[in-house]
Amino acid sequence: MKRSITIMALLLSLVGVMAFGLNAVNQQPGLTGKPVPKTKKDSVASVKAFEQVYKVLMSPRCMNCHPSGDVPLQGDDSHLHEMLPKRGHDGKGVFAMKCANCHQPNNTVGVHTPPGNPDWHLPPANMKMVFQGKTAHELAKQLVDPKQNGNKSMKQLLEHADDGLVLAGWNPGEGRTTPPMSHAAFKKAWETWIKTGAYAPKRK
């Protein structure tokens, strides 16, 4: 009888340890792929924040590198790149026309000269992440879908606001406009959108 009670106590202890472990794992942002939410879900606040995010993503500084085709866009009017470079499988160009041939690690001195960044590229061919022509609803849905956003988790999406190429949009070189709000304001809107539920605006 005592032996049965002892075995039962051990089993209950083991179950308790396993339950505690699983609960701890579920609260680890790096293990679930999603961050622990710091604010409650709020569809109204989330949609309002994305409307600000959308204005930045549709500005030339973002959209020019997220075209619907395989040729990047250029200028504040987002016309086709005059040299007609192609995306290539890795997003860095094809043959001798590699992005890095003209886009150096830093901006070239002068008005309307090539802007620079050490990792200048388009999204790769297998994950084009098109912004051009997308409605706010379509783009919001695309951004949170790992099959369309470069396999990013919600945690990685939060971190993406400080990506090097994202930041380059606010340092585009002479003769180019910057996005319609500061990077700090964009980052705040981006984080608010995600942390309040990453809701998409209604279809229009």
Protein backbone atom coordinates (compact mmCIF):
# COMPACT_ATOMS: atom_id res chain seq x y z
CA MET A 1 0.00 0.00 0.00
CA LYS A 2 2.77 2.43 0.99
CA ARG A 3 4.65 1.52 -2.18
CA SER A 4 1.59 2.37 -4.32
CA ILE A 5 1.20 5.74 -2.58
CA THR A 6 4.91 6.52 -3.13
CA ILE A 7 4.70 5.67 -6.84
CA MET A 8 1.55 7.77 -7.21
CA ALA A 9 3.26 10.74 -5.50
CA LEU A 10 6.25 10.44 -7.82
CA LEU A 11 4.00 10.37 -10.89
CA LEU A 12 2.10 13.44 -9.74
CA SER A 13 5.38 15.27 -9.11
CA LEU A 14 6.62 14.35 -12.60
CA VAL A 15 3.41 15.62 -14.19
CA GLY A 16 3.75 18.87 -12.27
CA VAL A 17 7.35 19.37 -13.42
CA MET A 18 6.40 18.69 -17.05
CA ALA A 19 3.48 21.13 -16.88
CA PHE A 20 5.73 23.82 -15.38
CA GLY A 21 8.32 23.22 -18.10
CA LEU A 22 5.80 23.46 -20.91
CA ASN A 23 4.37 26.64 -19.46
CA ALA A 24 7.84 28.17 -19.25
CA VAL A 25 8.56 27.25 -22.86
CA ASN A 26 5.31 28.81 -24.00
CA GLN A 27 6.37 32.07 -22.39
CA GLN A 28 9.75 32.18 -24.12
CA PRO A 29 9.51 34.48 -27.17
CA GLY A 30 12.50 32.90 -28.87
CA LEU A 31 11.06 29.40 -28.64
CA THR A 32 7.52 30.08 -29.77
CA GLY A 33 8.52 32.44 -32.54
CA LYS A 34 6.24 35.11 -31.07
CA PRO A 35 7.12 37.74 -28.47
CA VAL A 36 5.33 37.93 -25.15
CA PRO A 37 2.76 40.67 -25.82
CA LYS A 38 3.42 43.81 -23.81
CA THR A 39 0.09 45.39 -24.73
CA LYS A 40 -3.38 43.95 -25.18
CA LYS A 41 -4.87 43.24 -28.58
CA ASP A 42 -6.72 46.25 -29.89
CA SER A 43 -7.95 46.10 -33.46
CA VAL A 44 -8.73 49.82 -33.65
CA ALA A 45 -5.30 50.91 -32.39
CA SER A 46 -3.59 48.27 -34.54
CA VAL A 47 -5.30 49.33 -37.76
CA LYS A 48 -4.70 53.00 -37.00
CA ALA A 49 -0.99 52.29 -36.48
CA PHE A 50 -0.73 50.31 -39.72
CA GLU A 51 -2.26 53.18 -41.68
CA GLN A 52 0.83 55.19 -40.65
CA VAL A 53 3.15 52.28 -41.44
CA TYR A 54 1.54 51.90 -44.86
CA LYS A 55 2.34 55.50 -45.79
CA VAL A 56 6.03 54.79 -45.22
CA LEU A 57 6.05 51.43 -47.00
CA MET A 58 4.40 52.96 -50.06
CA SER A 59 6.86 55.86 -50.22
CA PRO A 60 9.58 55.66 -52.92
CA ARG A 61 12.27 54.90 -50.35
CA CYS A 62 10.60 51.59 -49.54
CA MET A 63 8.52 50.71 -52.58
CA ASN A 64 11.37 51.24 -55.08
CA CYS A 65 13.03 48.09 -53.76
CA HIS A 66 9.75 46.16 -53.54
CA PRO A 67 8.49 46.35 -57.15
CA SER A 68 5.87 44.13 -58.73
CA GLY A 69 8.34 43.12 -61.45
CA ASP A 70 11.99 42.10 -61.45
CA VAL A 71 13.40 45.56 -62.25
CA PRO A 72 13.79 47.94 -59.28
CA LEU A 73 12.15 51.34 -59.33
CA GLN A 74 14.01 54.62 -59.15
CA GLY A 75 13.49 58.25 -58.13
CA ASP A 76 10.76 60.00 -56.21
CA ASP A 77 8.34 59.19 -59.03
CA SER A 78 9.19 55.47 -58.84
CA HIS A 79 9.99 54.97 -62.52
CA LEU A 80 11.77 51.85 -63.76
CA HIS A 81 15.49 51.85 -63.01
CA GLU A 82 17.10 53.43 -66.06
CA MET A 83 19.81 50.75 -66.36
CA LEU A 84 17.16 48.00 -66.19
CA PRO A 85 19.01 45.73 -63.76
CA LYS A 86 17.26 42.44 -62.98
CA ARG A 87 16.48 40.96 -59.58
CA GLY A 88 18.36 37.68 -59.96
CA HIS A 89 17.71 34.63 -57.78
CA ASP A 90 19.32 36.22 -54.70
CA GLY A 91 18.00 39.73 -55.31
CA LYS A 92 21.48 41.12 -55.95
CA GLY A 93 21.41 41.32 -59.75
CA VAL A 94 22.52 39.08 -62.61
CA PHE A 95 25.78 38.56 -64.49
CA ALA A 96 27.87 41.75 -64.56
CA MET A 97 24.96 43.94 -63.45
CA LYS A 98 25.19 43.36 -59.72
CA CYS A 99 23.63 45.90 -57.36
CA ALA A 100 26.92 46.33 -55.51
CA ASN A 101 28.69 47.46 -58.68
CA CYS A 102 27.01 50.86 -58.37
CA HIS A 103 25.55 50.85 -54.86
CA GLN A 104 28.61 51.10 -52.64
CA PRO A 105 28.66 50.61 -48.83
CA ASN A 106 27.96 54.35 -48.41
CA ASN A 107 26.09 57.00 -50.40
CA THR A 108 28.01 58.35 -53.37
CA VAL A 109 28.70 62.09 -53.06
CA GLY A 110 26.54 64.30 -55.27
CA VAL A 111 22.91 64.90 -56.24
CA HIS A 112 21.01 61.86 -57.53
CA THR A 113 24.10 59.63 -57.37
CA PRO A 114 23.66 55.99 -56.28
CA PRO A 115 22.63 55.60 -52.64
CA GLY A 116 24.67 53.07 -50.71
CA ASN A 117 24.49 50.28 -48.17
CA PRO A 118 26.73 47.24 -47.56
CA ASP A 119 23.81 44.89 -48.26
CA TRP A 120 21.97 46.66 -51.09
CA HIS A 121 19.56 44.26 -52.82
CA LEU A 122 15.99 43.46 -53.77
CA PRO A 123 14.11 40.63 -52.06
CA PRO A 124 15.11 37.28 -53.62
CA ALA A 125 13.20 35.66 -56.48
CA ASN A 126 11.58 33.04 -54.25
CA MET A 127 10.28 35.64 -51.76
CA LYS A 128 9.65 38.86 -53.71
CA MET A 129 7.71 40.68 -50.96
CA VAL A 130 5.98 43.02 -53.41
CA PHE A 131 4.73 46.36 -52.05
CA GLN A 132 3.89 48.04 -55.36
CA GLY A 133 0.16 47.98 -56.09
CA LYS A 134 -0.80 46.44 -52.75
CA THR A 135 -3.69 47.80 -50.73
CA ALA A 136 -3.22 48.36 -47.00
CA HIS A 137 -5.22 45.19 -46.32
CA GLU A 138 -3.15 43.09 -48.73
CA LEU A 139 0.18 44.39 -47.49
CA ALA A 140 -0.65 43.92 -43.81
CA LYS A 141 -1.67 40.32 -44.48
CA GLN A 142 1.50 39.70 -46.47
CA LEU A 143 3.79 41.14 -43.81
CA VAL A 144 2.62 38.75 -41.09
CA ASP A 145 2.62 35.64 -43.29
CA PRO A 146 5.95 33.75 -42.92
CA LYS A 147 5.41 32.25 -46.37
CA GLN A 148 5.51 35.75 -47.85
CA ASN A 149 7.63 37.83 -45.44
CA GLY A 150 10.97 36.04 -45.58
CA ASN A 151 10.05 33.43 -42.93
CA LYS A 152 10.02 36.06 -40.18
CA SER A 153 8.36 35.42 -36.82
CA MET A 154 6.51 38.20 -35.01
CA LYS A 155 9.61 38.82 -32.90
CA GLN A 156 11.75 39.16 -36.02
CA LEU A 157 9.19 41.51 -37.55
CA LEU A 158 9.53 43.77 -34.53
CA GLU A 159 13.30 43.77 -34.94
CA HIS A 160 13.03 44.47 -38.67
CA ALA A 161 12.22 48.13 -38.01
CA ASP A 162 15.94 48.62 -37.30
CA ASP A 163 17.22 46.63 -40.29
CA GLY A 164 20.09 48.34 -42.13
CA LEU A 165 18.23 48.73 -45.41
CA VAL A 166 15.13 50.02 -43.62
CA LEU A 167 17.25 52.68 -41.91
CA ALA A 168 18.83 53.59 -45.27
CA GLY A 169 15.45 54.98 -46.33
CA TRP A 170 16.07 57.93 -44.01
CA ASN A 171 19.53 58.51 -45.48
CA PRO A 172 18.82 58.31 -49.23
CA GLY A 173 21.49 60.68 -50.50
CA GLU A 174 21.22 64.16 -51.99
CA GLY A 175 18.20 65.02 -54.11
CA ARG A 176 15.82 62.40 -52.70
CA THR A 177 12.91 62.78 -50.31
CA THR A 178 12.78 60.82 -47.08
CA PRO A 179 9.68 58.86 -45.94
CA PRO A 180 6.70 60.93 -44.71
CA MET A 181 7.61 60.57 -41.02
CA SER A 182 10.73 60.17 -38.92
CA HIS A 183 12.21 56.72 -38.34
CA ALA A 184 11.36 57.02 -34.64
CA ALA A 185 7.69 57.69 -35.47
CA PHE A 186 7.66 54.84 -37.99
CA LYS A 187 9.19 52.42 -35.49
CA LYS A 188 6.63 53.40 -32.85
CA ALA A 189 3.76 52.82 -35.30
CA TRP A 190 5.30 49.53 -36.47
CA GLU A 191 5.64 48.25 -32.92
CA THR A 192 2.16 49.41 -31.94
CA TRP A 193 0.67 47.65 -34.97
CA ILE A 194 2.35 44.34 -34.13
CA LYS A 195 1.97 44.43 -30.35
CA THR A 196 -1.74 45.24 -30.50
CA GLY A 197 -2.49 42.28 -32.75
CA ALA A 198 -1.12 43.08 -36.24
CA TYR A 199 -4.63 43.59 -37.60
CA ALA A 200 -5.14 44.39 -41.28
CA PRO A 201 -7.31 47.33 -42.36
CA LYS A 202 -10.58 46.36 -44.00
CA ARG A 203 -10.68 45.66 -47.71
CA LYS A 204 -11.62 48.65 -49.85
